[in-house]
Amino acid sequence: MLQKVIRVGNSSAVTIPREFLEEVGLMVGDRIEIAVRKKPIKIEIMPRKKILRKSSGITPSFVLSVDEFIRQYRPVLEELAKR
């Protein structure tokens, strides 16, 4: 897919199509890491793993369950958010 570099304030940006975000489970506001390689030229975008404190009581399996729930019910959750 061909995308264009656009100006956003004093920075530049490339938009990510919604279908791509849904495919990899990203949402607006999620943090990502960007890596640039010079030979061959390549830009990689990777989801940043959320760091959980042990004292929070939130286990990695709980996080995976919530992520799966959000993926499965995203359209319903987005409709509820509009209300």
PDB file of N, CA and C in Angstrom:
ATOM      1  N   MET A   1       0.845  -1.176   0.000  1.00  0.00           N
ATOM      2  CA  MET A   1       0.000   0.000   0.000  1.00  0.00           C
ATOM      3  C   MET A   1       0.891   1.241   0.000  1.00  0.00           C
ATOM      4  N   LEU A   2       0.552   2.186  -0.799  1.00  0.00           N
ATOM      5  CA  LEU A   2       1.304   3.423  -0.921  1.00  0.00           C
ATOM      6  C   LEU A   2       0.718   4.459   0.038  1.00  0.00           C
ATOM      7  N   GLN A   3       1.554   5.029   0.881  1.00  0.00           N
ATOM      8  CA  GLN A   3       1.147   6.068   1.815  1.00  0.00           C
ATOM      9  C   GLN A   3       2.014   7.293   1.574  1.00  0.00           C
ATOM     10  N   LYS A   4       1.543   8.438   2.034  1.00  0.00           N
ATOM     11  CA  LYS A   4       2.244   9.699   1.831  1.00  0.00           C
ATOM     12  C   LYS A   4       2.702  10.249   3.177  1.00  0.00           C
ATOM     13  N   VAL A   5       3.898  10.822   3.213  1.00  0.00           N
ATOM     14  CA  VAL A   5       4.389  11.502   4.402  1.00  0.00           C
ATOM     15  C   VAL A   5       3.700  12.868   4.446  1.00  0.00           C
ATOM     16  N   ILE A   6       3.043  13.181   5.582  1.00  0.00           N
ATOM     17  CA  ILE A   6       2.323  14.446   5.713  1.00  0.00           C
ATOM     18  C   ILE A   6       2.905  15.268   6.856  1.00  0.00           C
ATOM     19  N   ARG A   7       2.643  16.558   6.838  1.00  0.00           N
ATOM     20  CA  ARG A   7       3.115  17.443   7.906  1.00  0.00           C
ATOM     21  C   ARG A   7       2.044  17.515   8.990  1.00  0.00           C
ATOM     22  N   VAL A   8       2.500  17.383  10.243  1.00  0.00           N
ATOM     23  CA  VAL A   8       1.623  17.518  11.409  1.00  0.00           C
ATOM     24  C   VAL A   8       2.349  18.457  12.364  1.00  0.00           C
ATOM     25  N   GLY A   9       1.951  19.725  12.366  1.00  0.00           N
ATOM     26  CA  GLY A   9       2.664  20.715  13.177  1.00  0.00           C
ATOM     27  C   GLY A   9       4.081  20.864  12.649  1.00  0.00           C
ATOM     28  N   ASN A  10       5.065  20.722  13.554  1.00  0.00           N
ATOM     29  CA  ASN A  10       6.475  20.804  13.152  1.00  0.00           C
ATOM     30  C   ASN A  10       7.065  19.432  12.853  1.00  0.00           C
ATOM     31  N   SER A  11       6.232  18.414  12.843  1.00  0.00           N
ATOM     32  CA  SER A  11       6.686  17.044  12.597  1.00  0.00           C
ATOM     33  C   SER A  11       6.122  16.522  11.290  1.00  0.00           C
ATOM     34  N   SER A  12       6.506  15.313  10.963  1.00  0.00           N
ATOM     35  CA  SER A  12       5.957  14.612   9.798  1.00  0.00           C
ATOM     36  C   SER A  12       5.326  13.319  10.284  1.00  0.00           C
ATOM     37  N   ALA A  13       4.365  12.789   9.521  1.00  0.00           N
ATOM     38  CA  ALA A  13       3.670  11.573   9.931  1.00  0.00           C
ATOM     39  C   ALA A  13       3.260  10.771   8.709  1.00  0.00           C
ATOM     40  N   VAL A  14       3.031   9.494   8.949  1.00  0.00           N
ATOM     41  CA  VAL A  14       2.475   8.595   7.944  1.00  0.00           C
ATOM     42  C   VAL A  14       1.251   7.968   8.600  1.00  0.00           C
ATOM     43  N   THR A  15       0.123   8.011   7.934  1.00  0.00           N
ATOM     44  CA  THR A  15      -1.073   7.423   8.511  1.00  0.00           C
ATOM     45  C   THR A  15      -1.045   5.907   8.339  1.00  0.00           C
ATOM     46  N   ILE A  16      -1.690   5.208   9.282  1.00  0.00           N
ATOM     47  CA  ILE A  16      -1.795   3.751   9.224  1.00  0.00           C
ATOM     48  C   ILE A  16      -3.265   3.426   8.988  1.00  0.00           C
ATOM     49  N   PRO A  17      -3.577   2.739   7.908  1.00  0.00           N
ATOM     50  CA  PRO A  17      -4.971   2.417   7.621  1.00  0.00           C
ATOM     51  C   PRO A  17      -5.619   1.615   8.764  1.00  0.00           C
ATOM     52  N   ARG A  18      -6.880   1.890   9.004  1.00  0.00           N
ATOM     53  CA  ARG A  18      -7.623   1.237  10.076  1.00  0.00           C
ATOM     54  C   ARG A  18      -7.537  -0.278   9.986  1.00  0.00           C
ATOM     55  N   GLU A  19      -7.608  -0.824   8.769  1.00  0.00           N
ATOM     56  CA  GLU A  19      -7.557  -2.269   8.595  1.00  0.00           C
ATOM     57  C   GLU A  19      -6.250  -2.855   9.139  1.00  0.00           C
ATOM     58  N   PHE A  20      -5.153  -2.131   8.945  1.00  0.00           N
ATOM     59  CA  PHE A  20      -3.861  -2.595   9.445  1.00  0.00           C
ATOM     60  C   PHE A  20      -3.855  -2.582  10.968  1.00  0.00           C
ATOM     61  N   LEU A  21      -4.389  -1.506  11.559  1.00  0.00           N
ATOM     62  CA  LEU A  21      -4.445  -1.418  13.017  1.00  0.00           C
ATOM     63  C   LEU A  21      -5.251  -2.576  13.600  1.00  0.00           C
ATOM     64  N   GLU A  22      -6.417  -2.832  12.991  1.00  0.00           N
ATOM     65  CA  GLU A  22      -7.262  -3.922  13.472  1.00  0.00           C
ATOM     66  C   GLU A  22      -6.567  -5.265  13.325  1.00  0.00           C
ATOM     67  N   GLU A  23      -5.851  -5.446  12.219  1.00  0.00           N
ATOM     68  CA  GLU A  23      -5.181  -6.725  11.955  1.00  0.00           C
ATOM     69  C   GLU A  23      -4.137  -7.052  13.014  1.00  0.00           C
ATOM     70  N   VAL A  24      -3.442  -6.038  13.502  1.00  0.00           N
ATOM     71  CA  VAL A  24      -2.391  -6.275  14.503  1.00  0.00           C
ATOM     72  C   VAL A  24      -2.836  -5.952  15.924  1.00  0.00           C
ATOM     73  N   GLY A  25      -4.087  -5.514  16.082  1.00  0.00           N
ATOM     74  CA  GLY A  25      -4.613  -5.264  17.421  1.00  0.00           C
ATOM     75  C   GLY A  25      -4.170  -3.958  18.046  1.00  0.00           C
ATOM     76  N   LEU A  26      -3.858  -2.955  17.238  1.00  0.00           N
ATOM     77  CA  LEU A  26      -3.487  -1.639  17.761  1.00  0.00           C
ATOM     78  C   LEU A  26      -4.683  -0.707  17.741  1.00  0.00           C
ATOM     79  N   MET A  27      -4.654   0.269  18.638  1.00  0.00           N
ATOM     80  CA  MET A  27      -5.709   1.279  18.688  1.00  0.00           C
ATOM     81  C   MET A  27      -5.065   2.652  18.751  1.00  0.00           C
ATOM     82  N   VAL A  28      -5.821   3.672  18.395  1.00  0.00           N
ATOM     83  CA  VAL A  28      -5.340   5.043  18.520  1.00  0.00           C
ATOM     84  C   VAL A  28      -4.977   5.263  19.986  1.00  0.00           C
ATOM     85  N   GLY A  29      -3.811   5.807  20.219  1.00  0.00           N
ATOM     86  CA  GLY A  29      -3.344   6.053  21.577  1.00  0.00           C
ATOM     87  C   GLY A  29      -2.354   5.019  22.074  1.00  0.00           C
ATOM     88  N   ASP A  30      -2.292   3.844  21.413  1.00  0.00           N
ATOM     89  CA  ASP A  30      -1.314   2.834  21.796  1.00  0.00           C
ATOM     90  C   ASP A  30       0.085   3.355  21.511  1.00  0.00           C
ATOM     91  N   ARG A  31       1.038   2.928  22.321  1.00  0.00           N
ATOM     92  CA  ARG A  31       2.426   3.328  22.126  1.00  0.00           C
ATOM     93  C   ARG A  31       3.124   2.302  21.235  1.00  0.00           C
ATOM     94  N   ILE A  32       3.984   2.796  20.355  1.00  0.00           N
ATOM     95  CA  ILE A  32       4.720   1.930  19.443  1.00  0.00           C
ATOM     96  C   ILE A  32       6.192   2.299  19.485  1.00  0.00           C
ATOM     97  N   GLU A  33       7.023   1.386  19.008  1.00  0.00           N
ATOM     98  CA  GLU A  33       8.444   1.671  18.836  1.00  0.00           C
ATOM     99  C   GLU A  33       8.731   1.663  17.343  1.00  0.00           C
ATOM    100  N   ILE A  34       9.620   2.553  16.923  1.00  0.00           N
ATOM    101  CA  ILE A  34       9.980   2.641  15.511  1.00  0.00           C
ATOM    102  C   ILE A  34      11.472   2.374  15.385  1.00  0.00           C
ATOM    103  N   ALA A  35      11.843   1.485  14.468  1.00  0.00           N
ATOM    104  CA  ALA A  35      13.249   1.186  14.202  1.00  0.00           C
ATOM    105  C   ALA A  35      13.526   1.484  12.732  1.00  0.00           C
ATOM    106  N   VAL A  36      14.671   2.086  12.473  1.00  0.00           N
ATOM    107  CA  VAL A  36      15.061   2.429  11.109  1.00  0.00           C
ATOM    108  C   VAL A  36      16.350   1.684  10.775  1.00  0.00           C
ATOM    109  N   ARG A  37      16.358   1.048   9.638  1.00  0.00           N
ATOM    110  CA  ARG A  37      17.554   0.360   9.150  1.00  0.00           C
ATOM    111  C   ARG A  37      17.970   1.058   7.853  1.00  0.00           C
ATOM    112  N   LYS A  38      19.274   1.211   7.675  1.00  0.00           N
ATOM    113  CA  LYS A  38      19.759   1.948   6.503  1.00  0.00           C
ATOM    114  C   LYS A  38      20.056   1.063   5.301  1.00  0.00           C
ATOM    115  N   LYS A  39      20.477  -0.191   5.524  1.00  0.00           N
ATOM    116  CA  LYS A  39      20.822  -1.067   4.397  1.00  0.00           C
ATOM    117  C   LYS A  39      20.181  -2.421   4.591  1.00  0.00           C
ATOM    118  N   PRO A  40      19.225  -2.840   3.837  1.00  0.00           N
ATOM    119  CA  PRO A  40      18.435  -2.002   2.942  1.00  0.00           C
ATOM    120  C   PRO A  40      17.541  -1.072   3.760  1.00  0.00           C
ATOM    121  N   ILE A  41      17.099   0.010   3.167  1.00  0.00           N
ATOM    122  CA  ILE A  41      16.262   0.976   3.869  1.00  0.00           C
ATOM    123  C   ILE A  41      14.974   0.301   4.300  1.00  0.00           C
ATOM    124  N   LYS A  42      14.697   0.386   5.599  1.00  0.00           N
ATOM    125  CA  LYS A  42      13.512  -0.274   6.140  1.00  0.00           C
ATOM    126  C   LYS A  42      13.087   0.436   7.418  1.00  0.00           C
ATOM    127  N   ILE A  43      11.798   0.694   7.552  1.00  0.00           N
ATOM    128  CA  ILE A  43      11.242   1.276   8.776  1.00  0.00           C
ATOM    129  C   ILE A  43      10.296   0.246   9.373  1.00  0.00           C
ATOM    130  N   GLU A  44      10.528  -0.117  10.633  1.00  0.00           N
ATOM    131  CA  GLU A  44       9.685  -1.092  11.313  1.00  0.00           C
ATOM    132  C   GLU A  44       8.894  -0.403  12.417  1.00  0.00           C
ATOM    133  N   ILE A  45       7.626  -0.757  12.521  1.00  0.00           N
ATOM    134  CA  ILE A  45       6.762  -0.249  13.583  1.00  0.00           C
ATOM    135  C   ILE A  45       6.357  -1.450  14.425  1.00  0.00           C
ATOM    136  N   MET A  46       6.655  -1.399  15.729  1.00  0.00           N
ATOM    137  CA  MET A  46       6.358  -2.524  16.612  1.00  0.00           C
ATOM    138  C   MET A  46       5.546  -2.049  17.813  1.00  0.00           C
ATOM    139  N   PRO A  47       4.512  -2.821  18.184  1.00  0.00           N
ATOM    140  CA  PRO A  47       3.761  -2.461  19.390  1.00  0.00           C
ATOM    141  C   PRO A  47       4.695  -2.492  20.585  1.00  0.00           C
ATOM    142  N   ARG A  48       4.531  -1.544  21.468  1.00  0.00           N
ATOM    143  CA  ARG A  48       5.337  -1.524  22.687  1.00  0.00           C
ATOM    144  C   ARG A  48       4.625  -2.357  23.736  1.00  0.00           C
ATOM    145  N   LYS A  49       5.328  -3.267  24.318  1.00  0.00           N
ATOM    146  CA  LYS A  49       4.738  -4.108  25.351  1.00  0.00           C
ATOM    147  C   LYS A  49       4.454  -3.258  26.577  1.00  0.00           C
ATOM    148  N   LYS A  50       3.281  -3.432  27.123  1.00  0.00           N
ATOM    149  CA  LYS A  50       2.922  -2.699  28.323  1.00  0.00           C
ATOM    150  C   LYS A  50       3.639  -3.332  29.511  1.00  0.00           C
ATOM    151  N   ILE A  51       4.256  -2.498  30.335  1.00  0.00           N
ATOM    152  CA  ILE A  51       4.981  -2.980  31.502  1.00  0.00           C
ATOM    153  C   ILE A  51       4.028  -2.982  32.686  1.00  0.00           C
ATOM    154  N   LEU A  52       3.886  -4.135  33.280  1.00  0.00           N
ATOM    155  CA  LEU A  52       2.994  -4.273  34.420  1.00  0.00           C
ATOM    156  C   LEU A  52       3.812  -4.396  35.700  1.00  0.00           C
ATOM    157  N   ARG A  53       3.397  -3.716  36.728  1.00  0.00           N
ATOM    158  CA  ARG A  53       4.053  -3.857  38.025  1.00  0.00           C
ATOM    159  C   ARG A  53       3.553  -5.123  38.692  1.00  0.00           C
ATOM    160  N   LYS A  54       4.446  -5.837  39.349  1.00  0.00           N
ATOM    161  CA  LYS A  54       4.051  -7.059  40.037  1.00  0.00           C
ATOM    162  C   LYS A  54       3.021  -6.761  41.114  1.00  0.00           C
ATOM    163  N   SER A  55       3.113  -5.614  41.743  1.00  0.00           N
ATOM    164  CA  SER A  55       2.197  -5.285  42.833  1.00  0.00           C
ATOM    165  C   SER A  55       0.789  -4.945  42.331  1.00  0.00           C
ATOM    166  N   SER A  56       0.616  -4.801  41.019  1.00  0.00           N
ATOM    167  CA  SER A  56      -0.695  -4.428  40.498  1.00  0.00           C
ATOM    168  C   SER A  56      -1.689  -5.575  40.560  1.00  0.00           C
ATOM    169  N   GLY A  57      -1.204  -6.821  40.635  1.00  0.00           N
ATOM    170  CA  GLY A  57      -2.088  -7.978  40.654  1.00  0.00           C
ATOM    171  C   GLY A  57      -2.582  -8.372  39.267  1.00  0.00           C
ATOM    172  N   ILE A  58      -2.147  -7.660  38.247  1.00  0.00           N
ATOM    173  CA  ILE A  58      -2.566  -7.972  36.880  1.00  0.00           C
ATOM    174  C   ILE A  58      -1.557  -8.939  36.281  1.00  0.00           C
ATOM    175  N   THR A  59      -2.034 -10.101  35.891  1.00  0.00           N
ATOM    176  CA  THR A  59      -1.148 -11.116  35.329  1.00  0.00           C
ATOM    177  C   THR A  59      -1.101 -11.006  33.804  1.00  0.00           C
ATOM    178  N   PRO A  60      -0.046 -11.502  33.200  1.00  0.00           N
ATOM    179  CA  PRO A  60       0.027 -11.497  31.732  1.00  0.00           C
ATOM    180  C   PRO A  60      -1.146 -12.242  31.093  1.00  0.00           C
ATOM    181  N   SER A  61      -1.606 -13.332  31.702  1.00  0.00           N
ATOM    182  CA  SER A  61      -2.735 -14.069  31.117  1.00  0.00           C
ATOM    183  C   SER A  61      -4.015 -13.236  31.165  1.00  0.00           C
ATOM    184  N   PHE A  62      -4.183 -12.415  32.211  1.00  0.00           N
ATOM    185  CA  PHE A  62      -5.344 -11.531  32.283  1.00  0.00           C
ATOM    186  C   PHE A  62      -5.282 -10.498  31.160  1.00  0.00           C
ATOM    187  N   VAL A  63      -4.107  -9.931  30.937  1.00  0.00           N
ATOM    188  CA  VAL A  63      -3.925  -8.941  29.869  1.00  0.00           C
ATOM    189  C   VAL A  63      -4.264  -9.566  28.519  1.00  0.00           C
ATOM    190  N   LEU A  64      -3.804 -10.792  28.282  1.00  0.00           N
ATOM    191  CA  LEU A  64      -4.118 -11.469  27.021  1.00  0.00           C
ATOM    192  C   LEU A  64      -5.618 -11.707  26.880  1.00  0.00           C
ATOM    193  N   SER A  65      -6.271 -12.071  27.968  1.00  0.00           N
ATOM    194  CA  SER A  65      -7.724 -12.290  27.933  1.00  0.00           C
ATOM    195  C   SER A  65      -8.463 -11.000  27.598  1.00  0.00           C
ATOM    196  N   VAL A  66      -8.057  -9.904  28.211  1.00  0.00           N
ATOM    197  CA  VAL A  66      -8.695  -8.614  27.937  1.00  0.00           C
ATOM    198  C   VAL A  66      -8.442  -8.195  26.493  1.00  0.00           C
ATOM    199  N   ASP A  67      -7.210  -8.379  26.004  1.00  0.00           N
ATOM    200  CA  ASP A  67      -6.901  -8.044  24.611  1.00  0.00           C
ATOM    201  C   ASP A  67      -7.780  -8.842  23.648  1.00  0.00           C
ATOM    202  N   GLU A  68      -7.956 -10.126  23.922  1.00  0.00           N
ATOM    203  CA  GLU A  68      -8.792 -10.972  23.068  1.00  0.00           C
ATOM    204  C   GLU A  68     -10.250 -10.513  23.114  1.00  0.00           C
ATOM    205  N   PHE A  69     -10.732 -10.163  24.302  1.00  0.00           N
ATOM    206  CA  PHE A  69     -12.102  -9.663  24.456  1.00  0.00           C
ATOM    207  C   PHE A  69     -12.297  -8.400  23.623  1.00  0.00           C
ATOM    208  N   ILE A  70     -11.327  -7.480  23.704  1.00  0.00           N
ATOM    209  CA  ILE A  70     -11.423  -6.220  22.962  1.00  0.00           C
ATOM    210  C   ILE A  70     -11.418  -6.499  21.463  1.00  0.00           C
ATOM    211  N   ARG A  71     -10.540  -7.405  20.999  1.00  0.00           N
ATOM    212  CA  ARG A  71     -10.500  -7.737  19.571  1.00  0.00           C
ATOM    213  C   ARG A  71     -11.841  -8.309  19.112  1.00  0.00           C
ATOM    214  N   GLN A  72     -12.402  -9.192  19.924  1.00  0.00           N
ATOM    215  CA  GLN A  72     -13.646  -9.858  19.543  1.00  0.00           C
ATOM    216  C   GLN A  72     -14.831  -8.898  19.544  1.00  0.00           C
ATOM    217  N   TYR A  73     -14.882  -7.995  20.507  1.00  0.00           N
ATOM    218  CA  TYR A  73     -16.053  -7.129  20.661  1.00  0.00           C
ATOM    219  C   TYR A  73     -15.771  -5.667  20.320  1.00  0.00           C
ATOM    220  N   ARG A  74     -14.716  -5.395  19.559  1.00  0.00           N
ATOM    221  CA  ARG A  74     -14.335  -4.010  19.236  1.00  0.00           C
ATOM    222  C   ARG A  74     -15.497  -3.179  18.657  1.00  0.00           C
ATOM    223  N   PRO A  75     -16.250  -3.680  17.662  1.00  0.00           N
ATOM    224  CA  PRO A  75     -17.338  -2.854  17.118  1.00  0.00           C
ATOM    225  C   PRO A  75     -18.378  -2.466  18.179  1.00  0.00           C
ATOM    226  N   VAL A  76     -18.720  -3.391  19.040  1.00  0.00           N
ATOM    227  CA  VAL A  76     -19.697  -3.100  20.094  1.00  0.00           C
ATOM    228  C   VAL A  76     -19.126  -2.087  21.079  1.00  0.00           C
ATOM    229  N   LEU A  77     -17.884  -2.262  21.459  1.00  0.00           N
ATOM    230  CA  LEU A  77     -17.247  -1.339  22.404  1.00  0.00           C
ATOM    231  C   LEU A  77     -17.140   0.068  21.804  1.00  0.00           C
ATOM    232  N   GLU A  78     -16.842   0.149  20.509  1.00  0.00           N
ATOM    233  CA  GLU A  78     -16.753   1.465  19.861  1.00  0.00           C
ATOM    234  C   GLU A  78     -18.117   2.140  19.826  1.00  0.00           C
ATOM    235  N   GLU A  79     -19.185   1.384  19.591  1.00  0.00           N
ATOM    236  CA  GLU A  79     -20.548   1.955  19.609  1.00  0.00           C
ATOM    237  C   GLU A  79     -20.893   2.450  21.006  1.00  0.00           C
ATOM    238  N   LEU A  80     -20.553   1.669  22.019  1.00  0.00           N
ATOM    239  CA  LEU A  80     -20.824   2.086  23.395  1.00  0.00           C
ATOM    240  C   LEU A  80     -20.050   3.354  23.754  1.00  0.00           C
ATOM    241  N   ALA A  81     -18.853   3.478  23.246  1.00  0.00           N
ATOM    242  CA  ALA A  81     -18.034   4.659  23.547  1.00  0.00           C
ATOM    243  C   ALA A  81     -18.631   5.927  22.960  1.00  0.00           C
ATOM    244  N   LYS A  82     -19.412   5.788  21.885  1.00  0.00           N
ATOM    245  CA  LYS A  82     -20.031   6.963  21.247  1.00  0.00           C
ATOM    246  C   LYS A  82     -21.210   7.493  22.044  1.00  0.00           C
ATOM    247  N   ARG A  83     -21.768   6.680  22.930  1.00  0.00           N
ATOM    248  CA  ARG A  83     -22.969   7.078  23.683  1.00  0.00           C
ATOM    249  C   ARG A  83     -22.645   7.881  24.905  1.00  0.00           C
TER     250      ARG A  83
END
